[in-house]
């Protein structure tokens, strides 16, 4: 029973972090009117978007995407272990 409680707490923490990442990504989408880090990178290469602060935001956006992927895998693995 204790393990199941821990699993739920971890799941809740992961879901909270995913929601925070979603919020940060929405801010970037609104700022640049782009849907992904790839779009932002292409816009900078085409000189549609200035490199500063574009590169810093691109690095941050890629980190958001990487962290989201890792957290979703962790959440999936946690669910499988305790099901």
Protein backbone atom coordinates (compact mmCIF):
# COMPACT_ATOMS: atom_id res chain seq x y z
CA UNK A 1 0.00 0.00 0.00
CA UNK A 2 2.86 2.41 0.77
CA UNK A 3 4.41 1.79 -2.65
CA UNK A 4 1.11 2.58 -4.34
CA UNK A 5 0.87 5.85 -2.41
CA UNK A 6 4.40 6.79 -3.43
CA UNK A 7 3.58 5.97 -7.04
CA UNK A 8 0.57 8.29 -6.96
CA UNK A 9 2.65 11.06 -5.39
CA UNK A 10 5.35 10.66 -8.04
CA UNK A 11 2.69 10.67 -10.73
CA UNK A 12 1.18 13.84 -9.29
CA UNK A 13 4.59 15.54 -9.15
CA UNK A 14 5.36 14.53 -12.73
CA UNK A 15 1.98 15.76 -13.94
CA UNK A 16 2.52 19.06 -12.12
CA UNK A 17 5.89 19.48 -13.78
CA UNK A 18 4.39 18.62 -17.18
CA UNK A 19 1.75 21.31 -16.66
CA UNK A 20 4.47 23.84 -15.80
CA UNK A 21 6.38 22.91 -18.95
CA UNK A 22 3.19 23.28 -21.00
CA UNK A 23 2.75 26.77 -19.58
CA UNK A 24 6.31 27.75 -20.47
CA UNK A 25 5.91 26.38 -23.98
CA UNK A 26 2.64 28.28 -24.47
CA UNK A 27 4.47 31.48 -23.54
CA UNK A 28 7.05 30.79 -26.27
CA UNK A 29 4.33 29.93 -28.81
CA UNK A 30 2.59 33.23 -28.05
CA UNK A 31 5.83 35.20 -28.13
CA UNK A 32 6.98 33.92 -31.52
CA UNK A 33 3.71 32.75 -33.10
CA UNK A 34 5.43 29.43 -33.83
CA UNK A 35 4.40 25.93 -32.82
CA UNK A 36 7.76 24.30 -32.18
CA UNK A 37 11.44 24.85 -31.52
CA UNK A 38 12.12 23.65 -35.07
CA UNK A 39 9.89 26.42 -36.44
CA UNK A 40 11.72 29.00 -34.33
CA UNK A 41 15.11 27.76 -35.51
CA UNK A 42 14.03 27.94 -39.15
CA UNK A 43 12.67 31.46 -38.63
CA UNK A 44 16.00 32.57 -37.16
CA UNK A 45 17.93 31.00 -40.03
CA UNK A 46 15.67 32.86 -42.46
CA UNK A 47 16.22 36.05 -40.43
CA UNK A 48 12.49 36.36 -39.74
CA UNK A 49 13.21 36.27 -36.01
CA UNK A 50 16.24 38.06 -34.48
CA UNK A 51 18.96 35.84 -33.09
CA UNK A 52 18.76 37.58 -29.74
CA UNK A 53 16.86 36.52 -27.71
CA UNK A 54 15.87 33.86 -30.25
CA UNK A 55 18.81 31.53 -29.58
CA UNK A 56 18.31 31.67 -25.82
CA UNK A 57 14.62 30.91 -26.23
CA UNK A 58 15.40 28.13 -28.70
CA UNK A 59 17.73 26.46 -26.19
CA UNK A 60 15.06 26.81 -23.51
CA UNK A 61 12.34 25.45 -25.82
CA UNK A 62 14.46 22.42 -26.75
CA UNK A 63 15.10 21.79 -23.04
CA UNK A 64 11.34 21.93 -22.40
CA UNK A 65 10.73 19.36 -25.15
CA UNK A 66 13.50 17.06 -23.85
CA UNK A 67 12.30 17.30 -20.25
CA UNK A 68 8.69 16.65 -21.27
CA UNK A 69 9.73 13.53 -23.18
CA UNK A 70 11.75 12.22 -20.22
CA UNK A 71 8.94 12.92 -17.75
CA UNK A 72 6.34 11.20 -19.93
CA UNK A 73 8.57 8.13 -20.16
CA UNK A 74 9.05 8.17 -16.39
CA UNK A 75 5.31 8.54 -15.83
CA UNK A 76 4.62 5.66 -18.20
CA UNK A 77 7.24 3.45 -16.52
CA UNK A 78 5.89 4.32 -13.06
CA UNK A 79 2.35 3.39 -14.16
CA UNK A 80 3.50 0.07 -15.61
CA UNK A 81 5.47 -0.91 -12.51
CA UNK A 82 2.54 -0.32 -10.16
CA UNK A 83 -0.32 -1.65 -12.27
